[in-house]
C-alpha atoms as a PDB file:
ATOM      1  CA  MET A   1     108.637  93.917 107.104  1.00  0.00           C
ATOM      2  CA  PHE A   2     105.666  94.235 109.116  1.00  0.00           C
ATOM      3  CA  VAL A   3     105.360  95.746 112.812  1.00  0.00           C
ATOM      4  CA  GLU A   4     101.773  95.419 114.072  1.00  0.00           C
ATOM      5  CA  ARG A   5      99.900  98.925 114.694  1.00  0.00           C
ATOM      6  CA  PRO A   6      98.279  98.855 118.208  1.00  0.00           C
ATOM      7  CA  ASP A   7      95.040  99.525 116.522  1.00  0.00           C
ATOM      8  CA  SER A   8      95.718  96.764 113.607  1.00  0.00           C
ATOM      9  CA  VAL A   9      92.908  96.881 110.984  1.00  0.00           C
ATOM     10  CA  ALA A  10      94.185  93.797 109.401  1.00  0.00           C
ATOM     11  CA  ARG A  11      93.735  91.843 112.618  1.00  0.00           C
ATOM     12  CA  ARG A  12      90.257  93.230 113.291  1.00  0.00           C
ATOM     13  CA  ILE A  13      88.890  91.876 109.830  1.00  0.00           C
ATOM     14  CA  ALA A  14      90.809  88.892 109.910  1.00  0.00           C
ATOM     15  CA  GLU A  15      89.140  87.602 113.210  1.00  0.00           C
ATOM     16  CA  THR A  16      85.691  88.767 111.663  1.00  0.00           C
ATOM     17  CA  LEU A  17      85.952  86.823 108.735  1.00  0.00           C
ATOM     18  CA  GLY A  18      87.642  83.817 110.590  1.00  0.00           C
ATOM     19  CA  ALA A  19      84.779  83.758 112.941  1.00  0.00           C
ATOM     20  CA  GLY A  20      82.103  83.310 109.834  1.00  0.00           C
ATOM     21  CA  PHE A  21      80.931  87.068 110.174  1.00  0.00           C
ATOM     22  CA  ASP A  22      80.648  89.277 107.203  1.00  0.00           C
ATOM     23  CA  ALA A  23      80.967  86.315 104.916  1.00  0.00           C
ATOM     24  CA  ARG A  24      80.880  88.820 101.931  1.00  0.00           C
ATOM     25  CA  GLY A  25      81.674  91.671 103.752  1.00  0.00           C
ATOM     26  CA  LYS A  26      83.109  94.772 101.952  1.00  0.00           C
ATOM     27  CA  TRP A  27      85.732  97.295 103.547  1.00  0.00           C
ATOM     28  CA  ILE A  28      87.444 100.402 102.739  1.00  0.00           C
ATOM     29  CA  ILE A  29      90.815 101.298 104.783  1.00  0.00           C
ATOM     30  CA  CYS A  30      91.640 104.998 104.598  1.00  0.00           C
ATOM     31  CA  GLY A  31      94.232 106.792 105.723  1.00  0.00           C
ATOM     32  CA  SER A  32      97.391 109.621 104.795  1.00  0.00           C
ATOM     33  CA  VAL A  33      99.706 108.314 102.151  1.00  0.00           C
ATOM     34  CA  GLY A  34     102.336 106.483 104.003  1.00  0.00           C
ATOM     35  CA  ALA A  35     100.122 105.143 106.974  1.00  0.00           C
ATOM     36  CA  GLY A  36     100.528 101.623 106.297  1.00  0.00           C
ATOM     37  CA  LYS A  37      97.415 100.647 104.547  1.00  0.00           C
ATOM     38  CA  SER A  38      99.144  98.361 101.813  1.00  0.00           C
ATOM     39  CA  THR A  39     101.209  97.001 104.757  1.00  0.00           C
ATOM     40  CA  GLU A  40      97.770  96.302 106.299  1.00  0.00           C
ATOM     41  CA  LEU A  41      96.474  94.184 103.210  1.00  0.00           C
ATOM     42  CA  THR A  42      99.552  92.197 102.982  1.00  0.00           C
ATOM     43  CA  ARG A  43      99.139  91.370 106.752  1.00  0.00           C
ATOM     44  CA  LEU A  44      95.780  90.630 106.091  1.00  0.00           C
ATOM     45  CA  ALA A  45      96.811  88.023 103.043  1.00  0.00           C
ATOM     46  CA  ARG A  46      99.040  86.406 105.495  1.00  0.00           C
ATOM     47  CA  LEU A  47      96.878  86.253 108.210  1.00  0.00           C
ATOM     48  CA  LEU A  48      94.163  84.673 105.978  1.00  0.00           C
ATOM     49  CA  ALA A  49      96.332  82.650 103.384  1.00  0.00           C
ATOM     50  CA  ASP A  50      95.328  79.029 105.205  1.00  0.00           C
ATOM     51  CA  ASP A  51      91.698  79.990 104.887  1.00  0.00           C
ATOM     52  CA  PHE A  52      90.601  81.716 101.264  1.00  0.00           C
ATOM     53  CA  VAL A  53      92.110  81.859  97.740  1.00  0.00           C
ATOM     54  CA  VAL A  54      93.495  85.593  98.484  1.00  0.00           C
ATOM     55  CA  ILE A  55      93.489  87.762  95.133  1.00  0.00           C
ATOM     56  CA  GLY A  56      95.255  90.815  95.243  1.00  0.00           C
ATOM     57  CA  VAL A  57      95.294  93.571  92.647  1.00  0.00           C
ATOM     58  CA  ASP A  58      97.440  96.806  92.781  1.00  0.00           C
ATOM     59  CA  LEU A  59      95.663  99.248  90.649  1.00  0.00           C
ATOM     60  CA  TRP A  60      98.169 102.058  91.364  1.00  0.00           C
ATOM     61  CA  GLN A  61     100.881 100.159  89.223  1.00  0.00           C
ATOM     62  CA  ALA A  62      98.322  98.782  86.638  1.00  0.00           C
ATOM     63  CA  ALA A  63      96.608 102.371  85.772  1.00  0.00           C
ATOM     64  CA  GLY A  64      98.048 104.716  83.643  1.00  0.00           C
ATOM     65  CA  ARG A  65      96.106 107.286  84.861  1.00  0.00           C
ATOM     66  CA  ILE A  66      94.453 106.163  88.242  1.00  0.00           C
ATOM     67  CA  ASP A  67      92.070 109.149  88.434  1.00  0.00           C
ATOM     68  CA  GLU A  68      90.213 108.016  85.241  1.00  0.00           C
ATOM     69  CA  ILE A  69      90.024 104.211  86.361  1.00  0.00           C
ATOM     70  CA  SER A  70      86.265 103.265  85.433  1.00  0.00           C
ATOM     71  CA  PRO A  71      84.234 100.518  88.239  1.00  0.00           C
ATOM     72  CA  ALA A  72      84.158  98.380  85.075  1.00  0.00           C
ATOM     73  CA  GLU A  73      88.184  98.326  84.945  1.00  0.00           C
ATOM     74  CA  ILE A  74      88.382  97.630  88.385  1.00  0.00           C
ATOM     75  CA  LEU A  75      85.859  94.746  87.872  1.00  0.00           C
ATOM     76  CA  PHE A  76      87.837  93.408  85.346  1.00  0.00           C
ATOM     77  CA  CYS A  77      91.145  93.331  87.053  1.00  0.00           C
ATOM     78  CA  ILE A  78      89.575  91.615  89.686  1.00  0.00           C
ATOM     79  CA  GLY A  79      88.571  88.854  87.400  1.00  0.00           C
ATOM     80  CA  ALA A  80      91.737  88.465  85.983  1.00  0.00           C
ATOM     81  CA  ALA A  81      93.772  88.308  89.091  1.00  0.00           C
ATOM     82  CA  ALA A  82      91.465  85.565  90.137  1.00  0.00           C
ATOM     83  CA  VAL A  83      92.125  83.680  87.044  1.00  0.00           C
ATOM     84  CA  TRP A  84      95.977  83.970  87.833  1.00  0.00           C
ATOM     85  CA  THR A  85      95.560  83.109  91.228  1.00  0.00           C
ATOM     86  CA  ALA A  86      93.782  80.054  90.780  1.00  0.00           C
ATOM     87  CA  ARG A  87      96.197  78.737  88.262  1.00  0.00           C
ATOM     88  CA  GLU A  88      99.228  79.786  89.743  1.00  0.00           C
ATOM     89  CA  ARG A  89      98.924  79.348  93.370  1.00  0.00           C
ATOM     90  CA  PHE A  90      96.310  76.316  93.416  1.00  0.00           C
ATOM     91  CA  ALA A  91      96.932  74.833  90.029  1.00  0.00           C
ATOM     92  CA  HIS A  92      93.295  75.202  89.404  1.00  0.00           C
ATOM     93  CA  ASP A  93      92.361  76.260  86.004  1.00  0.00           C
ATOM     94  CA  VAL A  94      88.867  78.183  85.795  1.00  0.00           C
ATOM     95  CA  GLU A  95      86.764  76.845  83.349  1.00  0.00           C
ATOM     96  CA  ALA A  96      87.529  77.996  80.011  1.00  0.00           C
ATOM     97  CA  ALA A  97      84.127  79.401  79.083  1.00  0.00           C
ATOM     98  CA  ARG A  98      83.682  81.736  82.209  1.00  0.00           C
ATOM     99  CA  VAL A  99      87.351  83.429  81.234  1.00  0.00           C
ATOM    100  CA  GLU A 100      85.995  83.949  77.703  1.00  0.00           C
ATOM    101  CA  ASN A 101      82.724  85.459  79.256  1.00  0.00           C
ATOM    102  CA  LEU A 102      84.890  87.847  81.192  1.00  0.00           C
ATOM    103  CA  ARG A 103      86.990  88.914  78.230  1.00  0.00           C
ATOM    104  CA  LEU A 104      83.953  89.425  76.098  1.00  0.00           C
ATOM    105  CA  ALA A 105      82.214  91.397  78.575  1.00  0.00           C
ATOM    106  CA  PHE A 106      85.319  93.632  78.918  1.00  0.00           C
ATOM    107  CA  GLU A 107      85.739  94.260  75.196  1.00  0.00           C
ATOM    108  CA  GLY A 108      82.102  95.273  75.118  1.00  0.00           C
ATOM    109  CA  LEU A 109      82.605  98.074  77.473  1.00  0.00           C
ATOM    110  CA  LEU A 110      85.780  99.519  75.741  1.00  0.00           C
ATOM    111  CA  GLN A 111      85.594 103.135  74.017  1.00  0.00           C
ATOM    112  CA  GLU A 112      84.676 102.948  70.516  1.00  0.00           C
ATOM    113  CA  GLN A 113      87.818 102.616  68.413  1.00  0.00           C
ATOM    114  CA  ARG A 114      89.964 101.741  71.331  1.00  0.00           C
ATOM    115  CA  LYS A 115      92.494  98.864  70.443  1.00  0.00           C
ATOM    116  CA  VAL A 116      93.706  97.492  73.686  1.00  0.00           C
ATOM    117  CA  ASP A 117      95.766  93.930  73.999  1.00  0.00           C
ATOM    118  CA  VAL A 118      93.898  92.597  76.866  1.00  0.00           C
ATOM    119  CA  SER A 119      96.630  90.034  77.369  1.00  0.00           C
ATOM    120  CA  GLU A 120      98.906  92.844  78.113  1.00  0.00           C
ATOM    121  CA  VAL A 121      96.396  94.049  80.786  1.00  0.00           C
ATOM    122  CA  ILE A 122      96.284  90.703  82.209  1.00  0.00           C
ATOM    123  CA  GLU A 123     100.118  90.366  82.388  1.00  0.00           C
ATOM    124  CA  SER A 124     100.367  93.582  84.485  1.00  0.00           C
ATOM    125  CA  VAL A 125      97.316  92.496  86.970  1.00  0.00           C
ATOM    126  CA  ALA A 126      99.028  89.127  87.093  1.00  0.00           C
ATOM    127  CA  LEU A 127     102.596  90.556  88.314  1.00  0.00           C
ATOM    128  CA  LEU A 128     101.234  93.084  90.695  1.00  0.00           C
ATOM    129  CA  SER A 129      98.908  90.329  92.264  1.00  0.00           C
ATOM    130  CA  ALA A 130     101.960  88.540  92.902  1.00  0.00           C
ATOM    131  CA  ASP A 131     103.971  91.293  94.440  1.00  0.00           C
ATOM    132  CA  LEU A 132     101.089  92.427  96.476  1.00  0.00           C
ATOM    133  CA  LEU A 133     100.568  88.858  98.229  1.00  0.00           C
ATOM    134  CA  ALA A 134     104.490  88.257  98.664  1.00  0.00           C
ATOM    135  CA  PRO A 135     106.410  91.276  98.144  1.00  0.00           C
ATOM    136  CA  GLY A 136     109.513  91.046  95.737  1.00  0.00           C
ATOM    137  CA  THR A 137     108.124  87.875  93.950  1.00  0.00           C
ATOM    138  CA  GLY A 138     106.740  89.741  91.039  1.00  0.00           C
ATOM    139  CA  GLY A 139     109.497  88.224  88.736  1.00  0.00           C
ATOM    140  CA  ILE A 140     108.469  84.542  89.832  1.00  0.00           C
ATOM    141  CA  ALA A 141     104.869  85.180  88.709  1.00  0.00           C
ATOM    142  CA  LYS A 142     106.268  85.455  84.756  1.00  0.00           C
ATOM    143  CA  LYS A 143     106.547  81.734  84.465  1.00  0.00           C
ATOM    144  CA  GLY A 144     102.644  81.594  84.735  1.00  0.00           C
ATOM    145  CA  LEU A 145     101.599  84.445  82.753  1.00  0.00           C
ATOM    146  CA  ASP A 146     101.463  82.413  79.561  1.00  0.00           C
ATOM    147  CA  VAL A 147      98.261  80.601  80.847  1.00  0.00           C
ATOM    148  CA  ALA A 148      96.433  83.283  81.812  1.00  0.00           C
ATOM    149  CA  ARG A 149      97.219  85.192  78.555  1.00  0.00           C
ATOM    150  CA  GLN A 150      96.315  82.457  76.425  1.00  0.00           C
ATOM    151  CA  ALA A 151      92.826  81.914  78.163  1.00  0.00           C
ATOM    152  CA  LEU A 152      92.002  85.654  78.135  1.00  0.00           C
ATOM    153  CA  THR A 153      93.025  86.458  74.635  1.00  0.00           C
ATOM    154  CA  ALA A 154      91.475  83.411  72.891  1.00  0.00           C
ATOM    155  CA  GLY A 155      89.793  84.667  69.554  1.00  0.00           C
ATOM    156  CA  ARG A 156      90.953  88.017  68.224  1.00  0.00           C
ATOM    157  CA  ARG A 157      93.977  89.744  69.407  1.00  0.00           C
ATOM    158  CA  LEU A 158      93.994  93.490  70.307  1.00  0.00           C
ATOM    159  CA  SER A 159      96.956  95.889  69.979  1.00  0.00           C
ATOM    160  CA  GLY A 160      97.612  99.045  71.524  1.00  0.00           C
ATOM    161  CA  ARG A 161      98.088 100.586  75.042  1.00  0.00           C
ATOM    162  CA  ALA A 162      97.605  97.901  78.072  1.00  0.00           C
ATOM    163  CA  ARG A 163      97.586  99.900  81.351  1.00  0.00           C
ATOM    164  CA  VAL A 164      93.975 100.763  82.978  1.00  0.00           C
ATOM    165  CA  GLY A 165      92.513 104.041  83.281  1.00  0.00           C
ATOM    166  CA  GLY A 166      90.176 105.540  80.598  1.00  0.00           C
ATOM    167  CA  LEU A 167      89.723 102.386  78.482  1.00  0.00           C
ATOM    168  CA  THR A 168      85.897 101.794  78.828  1.00  0.00           C
ATOM    169  CA  ARG A 169      83.127 103.957  77.818  1.00  0.00           C
ATOM    170  CA  PRO A 170      80.982 105.968  80.245  1.00  0.00           C
ATOM    171  CA  VAL A 171      78.236 103.607  81.538  1.00  0.00           C
ATOM    172  CA  LYS A 172      75.854 103.757  84.358  1.00  0.00           C
ATOM    173  CA  GLU A 173      74.789 101.174  87.183  1.00  0.00           C
ATOM    174  CA  GLY A 174      72.254  98.847  85.862  1.00  0.00           C
ATOM    175  CA  ASP A 175      73.549  98.835  82.178  1.00  0.00           C
ATOM    176  CA  PRO A 176      73.307  95.401  80.672  1.00  0.00           C
ATOM    177  CA  ALA A 177      77.181  95.577  79.658  1.00  0.00           C
ATOM    178  CA  LEU A 178      78.258  96.487  82.908  1.00  0.00           C
ATOM    179  CA  ASP A 179      75.672  93.894  84.621  1.00  0.00           C
ATOM    180  CA  ALA A 180      77.550  91.068  82.055  1.00  0.00           C
ATOM    181  CA  LEU A 181      80.984  92.094  83.344  1.00  0.00           C
ATOM    182  CA  THR A 182      79.852  91.729  87.135  1.00  0.00           C
ATOM    183  CA  TRP A 183      78.195  88.187  86.348  1.00  0.00           C
ATOM    184  CA  ALA A 184      81.243  87.189  84.543  1.00  0.00           C
ATOM    185  CA  VAL A 185      83.400  87.979  87.393  1.00  0.00           C
ATOM    186  CA  ASP A 186      80.934  86.390  89.827  1.00  0.00           C
ATOM    187  CA  GLU A 187      81.095  83.071  87.795  1.00  0.00           C
ATOM    188  CA  ILE A 188      84.976  82.787  88.091  1.00  0.00           C
ATOM    189  CA  LEU A 189      84.907  83.614  91.944  1.00  0.00           C
ATOM    190  CA  ASP A 190      82.154  80.806  92.303  1.00  0.00           C
ATOM    191  CA  ASP A 191      84.760  78.526  90.150  1.00  0.00           C
ATOM    192  CA  LEU A 192      87.509  79.199  92.797  1.00  0.00           C
ATOM    193  CA  ARG A 193      85.207  77.910  95.573  1.00  0.00           C
ATOM    194  CA  GLN A 194      85.878  74.666  94.333  1.00  0.00           C
ATOM    195  CA  VAL A 195      89.583  75.400  96.125  1.00  0.00           C
ATOM    196  CA  ARG A 196      88.394  77.540  98.825  1.00  0.00           C
ATOM    197  CA  GLU A 197      86.496  80.973  99.626  1.00  0.00           C
ATOM    198  CA  PRO A 198      88.081  83.700  97.624  1.00  0.00           C
ATOM    199  CA  LEU A 199      88.997  87.060  99.266  1.00  0.00           C
ATOM    200  CA  ILE A 200      89.872  89.987  97.134  1.00  0.00           C
ATOM    201  CA  LEU A 201      92.403  92.711  98.378  1.00  0.00           C
ATOM    202  CA  VAL A 202      92.541  95.822  96.029  1.00  0.00           C
ATOM    203  CA  ASP A 203      95.248  98.334  96.527  1.00  0.00           C
ATOM    204  CA  GLY A 204      95.899 101.798  94.924  1.00  0.00           C
ATOM    205  CA  LEU A 205      92.555 103.688  95.118  1.00  0.00           C
ATOM    206  CA  ASP A 206      93.791 105.364  98.056  1.00  0.00           C
ATOM    207  CA  LYS A 207      96.209 107.358  95.237  1.00  0.00           C
ATOM    208  CA  LEU A 208      92.660 109.128  93.986  1.00  0.00           C
ATOM    209  CA  THR A 209      92.772 112.821  94.261  1.00  0.00           C
ATOM    210  CA  GLN A 210      89.642 113.777  91.914  1.00  0.00           C
ATOM    211  CA  ILE A 211      86.488 114.119  93.962  1.00  0.00           C
ATOM    212  CA  ASP A 212      84.271 113.360  90.975  1.00  0.00           C
ATOM    213  CA  SER A 213      86.380 109.827  90.872  1.00  0.00           C
ATOM    214  CA  ILE A 214      86.074 109.336  94.339  1.00  0.00           C
ATOM    215  CA  ARG A 215      82.476 110.017  94.284  1.00  0.00           C
ATOM    216  CA  GLU A 216      81.785 107.739  91.461  1.00  0.00           C
ATOM    217  CA  LEU A 217      83.588 104.790  92.775  1.00  0.00           C
ATOM    218  CA  PHE A 218      82.821 104.887  96.560  1.00  0.00           C
ATOM    219  CA  ALA A 219      79.466 106.960  97.144  1.00  0.00           C
ATOM    220  CA  THR A 220      77.152 107.359  94.357  1.00  0.00           C
ATOM    221  CA  SER A 221      77.571 103.715  92.866  1.00  0.00           C
ATOM    222  CA  LYS A 222      77.693 100.315  94.326  1.00  0.00           C
ATOM    223  CA  VAL A 223      79.305  98.333  91.675  1.00  0.00           C
ATOM    224  CA  LEU A 224      82.529  98.019  93.680  1.00  0.00           C
ATOM    225  CA  ALA A 225      80.637  96.350  96.055  1.00  0.00           C
ATOM    226  CA  SER A 226      79.254  93.741  93.811  1.00  0.00           C
ATOM    227  CA  PRO A 227      81.360  90.711  94.019  1.00  0.00           C
ATOM    228  CA  ARG A 228      80.201  88.343  95.598  1.00  0.00           C
ATOM    229  CA  ALA A 229      83.153  87.559  98.068  1.00  0.00           C
ATOM    230  CA  PRO A 230      84.646  89.526 101.057  1.00  0.00           C
ATOM    231  CA  LEU A 231      86.465  92.339  99.573  1.00  0.00           C
ATOM    232  CA  ILE A 232      88.871  95.022 101.079  1.00  0.00           C
ATOM    233  CA  TYR A 233      89.897  98.254  99.325  1.00  0.00           C
ATOM    234  CA  THR A 234      92.522 100.979 100.242  1.00  0.00           C
ATOM    235  CA  GLY A 235      90.647 104.459  99.691  1.00  0.00           C
ATOM    236  CA  PRO A 236      91.914 107.899  99.648  1.00  0.00           C
ATOM    237  CA  VAL A 237      91.967 109.869 103.177  1.00  0.00           C
ATOM    238  CA  THR A 238      89.337 112.485 101.587  1.00  0.00           C
ATOM    239  CA  LEU A 239      86.897 109.480 102.516  1.00  0.00           C
ATOM    240  CA  MET A 240      87.449 110.340 106.031  1.00  0.00           C
ATOM    241  CA  VAL A 241      86.874 114.042 105.951  1.00  0.00           C
ATOM    242  CA  ALA A 242      84.495 114.665 103.004  1.00  0.00           C
ATOM    243  CA  ALA A 243      80.829 114.239 102.567  1.00  0.00           C
ATOM    244  CA  GLU A 244      81.668 111.090 100.500  1.00  0.00           C
ATOM    245  CA  TRP A 245      82.693 109.320 103.794  1.00  0.00           C
ATOM    246  CA  SER A 246      79.289 109.391 104.962  1.00  0.00           C
ATOM    247  CA  ALA A 247      78.057 108.050 101.591  1.00  0.00           C
ATOM    248  CA  ALA A 248      80.481 105.542 101.263  1.00  0.00           C
ATOM    249  CA  GLY A 249      79.117 103.775 104.450  1.00  0.00           C
ATOM    250  CA  ASN A 250      75.912 102.801 102.731  1.00  0.00           C
ATOM    251  CA  HIS A 251      77.990  99.819 100.935  1.00  0.00           C
ATOM    252  CA  PHE A 252      81.286  99.536 103.135  1.00  0.00           C
ATOM    253  CA  ALA A 253      82.280  99.259 106.376  1.00  0.00           C
ATOM    254  CA  ARG A 254      84.920 101.945 106.836  1.00  0.00           C
ATOM    255  CA  GLU A 255      88.092 101.302 108.813  1.00  0.00           C
ATOM    256  CA  ARG A 256      90.294 104.298 109.512  1.00  0.00           C
ATOM    257  CA  LEU A 257      94.019 103.896 109.611  1.00  0.00           C
ATOM    258  CA  SER A 258      95.195 107.199 111.692  1.00  0.00           C
ATOM    259  CA  ASN A 259      98.675 108.198 111.583  1.00  0.00           C
ATOM    260  CA  LEU A 260     100.307 106.705 115.085  1.00  0.00           C
ATOM    261  CA  ALA A 261     100.321 109.212 117.979  1.00  0.00           C
ATOM    262  CA  VAL A 262     103.897 109.863 118.641  1.00  0.00           C
ATOM    263  CA  GLU A 263     103.235 113.657 120.086  1.00  0.00           C
ATOM    264  CA  ALA A 264     100.560 114.971 122.064  1.00  0.00           C
ATOM    265  CA  PRO A 265      98.302 117.330 119.972  1.00  0.00           C
ATOM    266  CA  VAL A 266      98.630 121.002 119.682  1.00  0.00           C
ATOM    267  CA  SER A 267      94.728 121.845 119.833  1.00  0.00           C
ATOM    268  CA  ARG A 268      93.263 121.916 123.386  1.00  0.00           C
ATOM    269  CA  SER A 269      90.303 120.433 122.220  1.00  0.00           C
ATOM    270  CA  ARG A 270      91.850 117.125 121.172  1.00  0.00           C
ATOM    271  CA  LYS A 271      93.301 114.648 123.810  1.00  0.00           C
ATOM    272  CA  VAL A 272      95.524 111.789 123.481  1.00  0.00           C
ATOM    273  CA  GLY A 273      96.318 109.769 126.615  1.00  0.00           C
ATOM    274  CA  ALA A 274     100.235 109.292 127.465  1.00  0.00           C
ATOM    275  CA  GLU A 275      99.828 105.299 126.945  1.00  0.00           C
ATOM    276  CA  THR A 276      98.591 105.994 123.158  1.00  0.00           C
ATOM    277  CA  ILE A 277     101.283 108.096 122.543  1.00  0.00           C
ATOM    278  CA  ALA A 278     103.985 105.795 124.098  1.00  0.00           C
ATOM    279  CA  ALA A 279     102.674 103.002 122.142  1.00  0.00           C
ATOM    280  CA  GLY A 280     102.810 104.855 119.036  1.00  0.00           C
ATOM    281  CA  ARG A 281     106.314 105.569 119.537  1.00  0.00           C
ATOM    282  CA  ARG A 282     107.523 102.205 120.342  1.00  0.00           C
ATOM    283  CA  SER A 283     106.175 100.796 117.126  1.00  0.00           C
ATOM    284  CA  MET A 284     107.997 103.455 115.232  1.00  0.00           C
ATOM    285  CA  ARG A 285     111.110 102.280 117.203  1.00  0.00           C
ATOM    286  CA  ASP A 286     110.475  98.902 116.456  1.00  0.00           C
ATOM    287  CA  VAL A 287     110.323  99.306 112.973  1.00  0.00           C
ATOM    288  CA  VAL A 288     113.852 101.152 113.031  1.00  0.00           C
ATOM    289  CA  GLU A 289     115.167  98.250 115.120  1.00  0.00           C
ATOM    290  CA  ARG A 290     114.137  95.484 112.915  1.00  0.00           C
ATOM    291  CA  ARG A 291     115.055  97.383 109.581  1.00  0.00           C
ATOM    292  CA  CYS A 292     118.899  97.950 111.412  1.00  0.00           C
ATOM    293  CA  LYS A 293     118.661  94.020 112.419  1.00  0.00           C
ATOM    294  CA  THR A 294     118.015  93.031 109.013  1.00  0.00           C
ATOM    295  CA  ALA A 295     120.998  95.189 108.024  1.00  0.00           C
ATOM    296  CA  GLY A 296     123.525  93.588 110.407  1.00  0.00           C
ATOM    297  CA  ILE A 297     123.457  96.759 112.389  1.00  0.00           C
ATOM    298  CA  GLU A 298     123.099  97.553 116.208  1.00  0.00           C
ATOM    299  CA  LEU A 299     120.442 100.320 116.748  1.00  0.00           C
ATOM    300  CA  SER A 300     122.723 101.982 119.029  1.00  0.00           C
ATOM    301  CA  ALA A 301     125.350 101.826 116.649  1.00  0.00           C
ATOM    302  CA  ALA A 302     123.555 103.814 114.129  1.00  0.00           C
ATOM    303  CA  PHE A 303     121.438 106.351 115.952  1.00  0.00           C
ATOM    304  CA  SER A 304     121.847 108.204 119.176  1.00  0.00           C
ATOM    305  CA  GLU A 305     119.090 107.810 121.701  1.00  0.00           C
ATOM    306  CA  ASP A 306     118.255 111.453 121.457  1.00  0.00           C
ATOM    307  CA  SER A 307     118.446 111.741 117.650  1.00  0.00           C
ATOM    308  CA  LEU A 308     115.878 108.768 117.331  1.00  0.00           C
ATOM    309  CA  GLU A 309     113.539 110.238 119.664  1.00  0.00           C
ATOM    310  CA  LEU A 310     113.498 113.583 117.561  1.00  0.00           C
ATOM    311  CA  PHE A 311     113.265 111.744 114.483  1.00  0.00           C
ATOM    312  CA  ILE A 312     110.169 109.988 115.583  1.00  0.00           C
ATOM    313  CA  GLY A 313     108.450 113.114 116.530  1.00  0.00           C
ATOM    314  CA  LYS A 314     109.305 114.653 113.078  1.00  0.00           C
ATOM    315  CA  SER A 315     107.598 111.525 111.526  1.00  0.00           C
ATOM    316  CA  GLY A 316     104.047 112.837 112.388  1.00  0.00           C
ATOM    317  CA  GLY A 317     103.707 109.358 113.094  1.00  0.00           C
ATOM    318  CA  LEU A 318     104.093 108.066 109.423  1.00  0.00           C
ATOM    319  CA  LEU A 319     106.101 105.063 108.900  1.00  0.00           C
ATOM    320  CA  ARG A 320     106.985 105.656 105.215  1.00  0.00           C
ATOM    321  CA  GLN A 321     107.921 109.547 106.734  1.00  0.00           C
ATOM    322  CA  MET A 322     110.094 107.779 109.475  1.00  0.00           C
ATOM    323  CA  LEU A 323     112.207 105.806 107.118  1.00  0.00           C
ATOM    324  CA  LYS A 324     112.529 108.619 104.750  1.00  0.00           C
ATOM    325  CA  ILE A 325     114.000 110.756 107.475  1.00  0.00           C
ATOM    326  CA  LEU A 326     116.426 108.038 108.667  1.00  0.00           C
ATOM    327  CA  ARG A 327     117.643 107.609 105.096  1.00  0.00           C
ATOM    328  CA  GLY A 328     118.503 111.148 104.793  1.00  0.00           C
ATOM    329  CA  ALA A 329     120.083 111.526 108.440  1.00  0.00           C
ATOM    330  CA  SER A 330     122.036 108.494 107.477  1.00  0.00           C
ATOM    331  CA  LYS A 331     123.474 109.638 104.167  1.00  0.00           C
ATOM    332  CA  GLN A 332     124.271 113.022 105.630  1.00  0.00           C
ATOM    333  CA  ALA A 333     125.974 111.294 108.501  1.00  0.00           C
ATOM    334  CA  GLY A 334     128.143 109.357 105.996  1.00  0.00           C
ATOM    335  CA  LEU A 335     128.826 112.459 103.974  1.00  0.00           C
ATOM    336  CA  GLU A 336     130.415 114.304 106.930  1.00  0.00           C
ATOM    337  CA  GLY A 337     132.155 111.038 107.929  1.00  0.00           C
ATOM    338  CA  CYS A 338     130.380 110.375 111.205  1.00  0.00           C
ATOM    339  CA  GLY A 339     130.296 107.175 113.094  1.00  0.00           C
ATOM    340  CA  ARG A 340     126.258 107.435 113.916  1.00  0.00           C
ATOM    341  CA  VAL A 341     123.635 110.159 113.768  1.00  0.00           C
ATOM    342  CA  GLU A 342     123.909 112.220 116.789  1.00  0.00           C
ATOM    343  CA  LEU A 343     121.460 114.871 118.032  1.00  0.00           C
ATOM    344  CA  ASP A 344     123.444 117.876 116.625  1.00  0.00           C
ATOM    345  CA  LEU A 345     123.018 116.451 112.997  1.00  0.00           C
ATOM    346  CA  ALA A 346     119.646 115.274 113.642  1.00  0.00           C
ATOM    347  CA  VAL A 347     118.560 119.046 114.564  1.00  0.00           C
ATOM    348  CA  ALA A 348     120.394 120.705 111.532  1.00  0.00           C
END
């Protein structure tokens, strides 16, 4: 369910790409957890689905340890998702030699003695790609996994842990093995151009917590900006406040996804116009109203006007927090046998 923010990042990027600007642009969407970054990616996929081969990757679900994920693993996931997307969404088989190059390049970067079943990595990446592009359809994607699995595991099979995060050996930018992987990914993207221009959406890196990991991925290296296609990442809120935020601007256009303004700032040094606050509160209310409508419930029958306004203020402008508050209040109202959530229950 999507309610467009007043400052829609997805629409701005879509308009830029749709107009033919930044044909190979790179963006990072940063914001607090729950600010709606993943929602913006989903919205972007829908806006541009008719013009691009949209390739989606959810690294948070694909990674066992997100803070240990390497640039090489991210590139490999992009390539793997591209192969799956071409086959399952466009009935286009990427040239076998290009797929084999991707597999061999990734295996060449694995830690010594590391045994990994590349097919299992592909499976997790493919399913998550489906869910990012069309939430809830991950199960449908299973039908097409055999194609990707067979293509990417031709030759010797490996065994062991499949989730990415710490699988590859440390390499510096310019390492021949890393260059080979970058080349293999670009070759696959070039193959997709027989269908349409590719567009890459990568979710999950906003969950990074270690400064060293953030610095390596976004600030000191340009590996993540290397694929020859427009590419959008979600990034950690740290990039908005730390020195790394400025350095990341060398390789990426930065989009800040702020919390919706639902209350006036406490600090006297900051000013937010009444119209901005009103728009933010309307957006939050719209989300709740649509959720209720989907469930066949009248908003006024579920929440009193006063309680809803209080909850919007408590949310801090975070949609996820708002929904969490509403679920908790609804549960409590049910336990107390209340017909709807009133102000006295909301205050409690």
